Amino acid sequence: MLQGVPSQEQMQIPLASPKAPPREASLQWWHPNRFGVRFAPDRFRRELHVVHPDLDVTWHPIRERWLVWYRRPRIAMGWLLLFVAEDSQHRYVPLDARIFAAIFEQSGMKWDSGKEYWARIEQEAQRDKEREHADREQHLEDAGADHWDHTKIQVSMCGHSSGSKFVKHHAGD
């Protein structure tokens, strides 16, 4: 049986305290009001301002991604980060029509009202829930099929059977 080590002989292991990442690693650090921030090329910014004058794009030098911002005076720094310009696998996306498509997807221009937008969100949530349920049911069927086949009545215990060996006895043959 293991005995506890007396307290004088206990080994002390210092706990490593996690080091906070630098402020520059934060997405919000690179907002358009920051001094020295790198903006998107002027041509792209002009096209962006045609869509909406309160939109802007900055470069995040640590993550090496474009950040798309929307001016919101009620926010402390004055800008709301709309999204990081990257694809679904978190890979770099250049400044092209995909940025405008993502902006349109999030804008009020696409949806006539908040009610229509919310209906779409609910529909997507329901679709995802149904897909998850179908995947779970398929997994249960796949995992349980062998067990189900094993519990079926088998006459010889060595393969498929048509049922109990007493079925024909009761049929009056």
Protein backbone atom coordinates (compact mmCIF):
# COMPACT_ATOMS: atom_id res chain seq x y z
CA MET A 1 0.00 0.00 0.00
CA LEU A 2 1.29 3.44 -0.84
CA GLN A 3 1.99 5.77 2.00
CA GLY A 4 1.87 9.55 1.79
CA VAL A 5 5.20 11.33 1.65
CA PRO A 6 5.85 13.56 4.64
CA SER A 7 5.37 17.25 3.84
CA GLN A 8 9.09 18.09 4.28
CA GLU A 9 10.03 15.68 1.51
CA GLN A 10 7.31 16.66 -0.96
CA MET A 11 8.58 17.81 -4.28
CA GLN A 12 7.43 21.25 -5.35
CA ILE A 13 6.88 21.77 -9.10
CA PRO A 14 6.44 25.37 -10.14
CA LEU A 15 3.35 25.97 -12.23
CA ALA A 16 3.97 27.64 -15.54
CA SER A 17 1.92 30.77 -15.83
CA PRO A 18 0.69 31.33 -19.36
CA LYS A 19 2.17 34.39 -20.98
CA ALA A 20 -0.40 36.75 -22.41
CA PRO A 21 -0.12 37.29 -26.16
CA PRO A 22 1.05 40.72 -27.24
CA ARG A 23 -1.64 43.34 -27.80
CA GLU A 24 -0.63 43.48 -31.45
CA ALA A 25 -1.88 39.90 -31.92
CA SER A 26 -5.44 41.02 -31.20
CA LEU A 27 -7.71 41.60 -34.18
CA GLN A 28 -9.13 44.78 -32.64
CA TRP A 29 -5.66 46.32 -32.38
CA TRP A 30 -5.54 46.91 -36.15
CA HIS A 31 -8.67 49.06 -36.52
CA PRO A 32 -8.67 51.93 -39.05
CA ASN A 33 -8.08 54.64 -36.41
CA ARG A 34 -4.78 53.05 -35.30
CA PHE A 35 -1.71 55.09 -36.24
CA GLY A 36 0.47 53.30 -38.78
CA VAL A 37 -2.12 50.73 -39.82
CA ARG A 38 -1.82 49.48 -43.40
CA PHE A 39 -4.97 49.96 -45.48
CA ALA A 40 -6.09 48.05 -48.56
CA PRO A 41 -5.02 49.48 -51.94
CA ASP A 42 -6.77 52.75 -52.85
CA ARG A 43 -8.57 51.20 -55.83
CA PHE A 44 -10.15 48.53 -53.63
CA ARG A 45 -11.06 51.06 -50.93
CA ARG A 46 -12.79 53.29 -53.51
CA GLU A 47 -14.89 50.30 -54.68
CA LEU A 48 -15.64 49.46 -51.04
CA HIS A 49 -16.77 53.02 -50.29
CA VAL A 50 -19.19 52.82 -53.23
CA VAL A 51 -20.87 49.90 -51.45
CA HIS A 52 -20.95 51.84 -48.17
CA PRO A 53 -18.88 54.86 -47.09
CA ASP A 54 -18.43 53.52 -43.54
CA LEU A 55 -16.58 50.36 -44.62
CA ASP A 56 -12.80 49.98 -44.56
CA VAL A 57 -10.14 47.26 -44.79
CA THR A 58 -6.89 46.99 -42.84
CA TRP A 59 -4.02 44.49 -42.81
CA HIS A 60 -3.21 42.36 -39.75
CA PRO A 61 0.58 41.84 -40.01
CA ILE A 62 0.80 38.98 -37.49
CA ARG A 63 -2.07 36.87 -38.84
CA GLU A 64 -1.42 38.12 -42.39
CA ARG A 65 -5.10 38.61 -43.14
CA TRP A 66 -7.27 41.49 -44.29
CA LEU A 67 -9.77 42.77 -41.71
CA VAL A 68 -13.06 44.31 -42.87
CA TRP A 69 -14.41 47.06 -40.61
CA TYR A 70 -17.64 49.02 -40.28
CA ARG A 71 -17.65 52.48 -38.63
CA ARG A 72 -19.79 52.48 -35.48
CA PRO A 73 -19.50 55.68 -33.39
CA ARG A 74 -21.15 54.07 -30.36
CA ILE A 75 -18.27 51.58 -30.04
CA ALA A 76 -15.35 52.85 -27.95
CA MET A 77 -12.76 52.72 -30.74
CA GLY A 78 -15.36 53.66 -33.37
CA TRP A 79 -15.09 50.54 -35.54
CA LEU A 80 -16.83 47.15 -35.59
CA LEU A 81 -14.87 44.23 -37.03
CA LEU A 82 -17.17 42.57 -39.57
CA PHE A 83 -14.95 39.65 -40.49
CA VAL A 84 -11.45 38.40 -41.20
CA ALA A 85 -10.95 37.82 -44.92
CA GLU A 86 -10.24 34.08 -45.02
CA ASP A 87 -11.97 31.00 -46.36
CA SER A 88 -13.67 28.25 -44.36
CA GLN A 89 -10.33 26.44 -43.89
CA HIS A 90 -8.83 29.68 -42.48
CA ARG A 91 -6.63 30.25 -45.53
CA TYR A 92 -5.70 33.62 -46.96
CA VAL A 93 -8.19 35.29 -49.32
CA PRO A 94 -7.04 38.18 -51.52
CA LEU A 95 -9.04 41.37 -51.91
CA ASP A 96 -11.48 40.46 -54.67
CA ALA A 97 -15.19 39.89 -55.31
CA ARG A 98 -15.39 37.37 -52.44
CA ILE A 99 -14.95 40.23 -49.97
CA PHE A 100 -17.89 42.10 -51.51
CA ALA A 101 -19.97 38.90 -51.46
CA ALA A 102 -19.24 38.41 -47.75
CA ILE A 103 -20.13 42.04 -47.03
CA PHE A 104 -23.39 41.66 -48.95
CA GLU A 105 -24.17 38.44 -47.05
CA GLN A 106 -23.94 40.32 -43.74
CA SER A 107 -25.66 43.50 -44.86
CA GLY A 108 -29.20 44.70 -44.54
CA MET A 109 -29.27 45.10 -48.33
CA LYS A 110 -29.73 41.36 -48.75
CA TRP A 111 -32.64 41.03 -46.34
CA ASP A 112 -35.61 43.36 -46.53
CA SER A 113 -36.23 43.11 -42.83
CA GLY A 114 -34.84 41.67 -39.64
CA LYS A 115 -37.71 39.19 -39.66
CA GLU A 116 -36.59 37.67 -42.97
CA TYR A 117 -32.99 37.53 -41.75
CA TRP A 118 -34.05 35.78 -38.53
CA ALA A 119 -36.21 33.32 -40.50
CA ARG A 120 -33.15 32.37 -42.56
CA ILE A 121 -31.04 31.90 -39.41
CA GLU A 122 -33.74 29.67 -37.87
CA GLN A 123 -34.02 27.69 -41.10
CA GLU A 124 -30.25 27.09 -41.18
CA ALA A 125 -30.27 26.06 -37.51
CA GLN A 126 -33.12 23.60 -38.16
CA ARG A 127 -31.31 22.20 -41.21
CA ASP A 128 -28.12 21.71 -39.18
CA LYS A 129 -30.08 20.05 -36.36
CA GLU A 130 -31.78 17.66 -38.80
CA ARG A 131 -28.45 16.81 -40.43
CA GLU A 132 -26.89 16.14 -37.02
CA HIS A 133 -29.86 13.92 -36.06
CA ALA A 134 -29.62 12.00 -39.35
CA ASP A 135 -25.87 11.51 -38.86
CA ARG A 136 -26.45 10.24 -35.31
CA GLU A 137 -29.17 7.84 -36.45
CA GLN A 138 -26.93 6.53 -39.23
CA HIS A 139 -24.10 6.03 -36.74
CA LEU A 140 -26.42 4.13 -34.38
CA GLU A 141 -27.62 1.94 -37.25
CA ASP A 142 -24.06 1.26 -38.39
CA ALA A 143 -22.83 0.50 -34.87
CA GLY A 144 -25.87 -1.56 -33.86
CA ALA A 145 -26.37 -3.61 -37.03
CA ASP A 146 -23.96 -6.39 -36.03
CA HIS A 147 -25.47 -6.62 -32.55
CA TRP A 148 -28.98 -6.73 -34.00
CA ASP A 149 -28.01 -9.55 -36.41
CA HIS A 150 -26.40 -11.44 -33.54
CA THR A 151 -29.60 -11.35 -31.45
CA LYS A 152 -31.75 -12.87 -34.20
CA ILE A 153 -32.91 -16.45 -33.65
CA GLN A 154 -30.61 -18.93 -35.33
CA VAL A 155 -31.26 -22.67 -35.41
CA SER A 156 -27.71 -23.84 -35.88
CA MET A 157 -26.03 -20.80 -34.35
CA CYS A 158 -23.88 -20.81 -37.49
CA GLY A 159 -25.54 -18.42 -39.89
CA HIS A 160 -28.77 -16.95 -41.14
CA SER A 161 -32.01 -18.67 -40.12
CA SER A 162 -35.65 -18.28 -41.05
CA GLY A 163 -36.69 -18.31 -37.41
CA SER A 164 -37.41 -20.80 -34.63
CA LYS A 165 -37.15 -24.52 -35.26
CA PHE A 166 -40.57 -24.93 -33.63
CA VAL A 167 -42.45 -22.80 -36.16
CA LYS A 168 -43.38 -25.76 -38.43
CA HIS A 169 -44.41 -27.90 -35.42
CA HIS A 170 -47.20 -25.50 -34.50
CA ALA A 171 -48.35 -24.98 -38.10
CA GLY A 172 -49.92 -28.44 -38.17
CA ASP A 173 -47.59 -30.10 -40.68
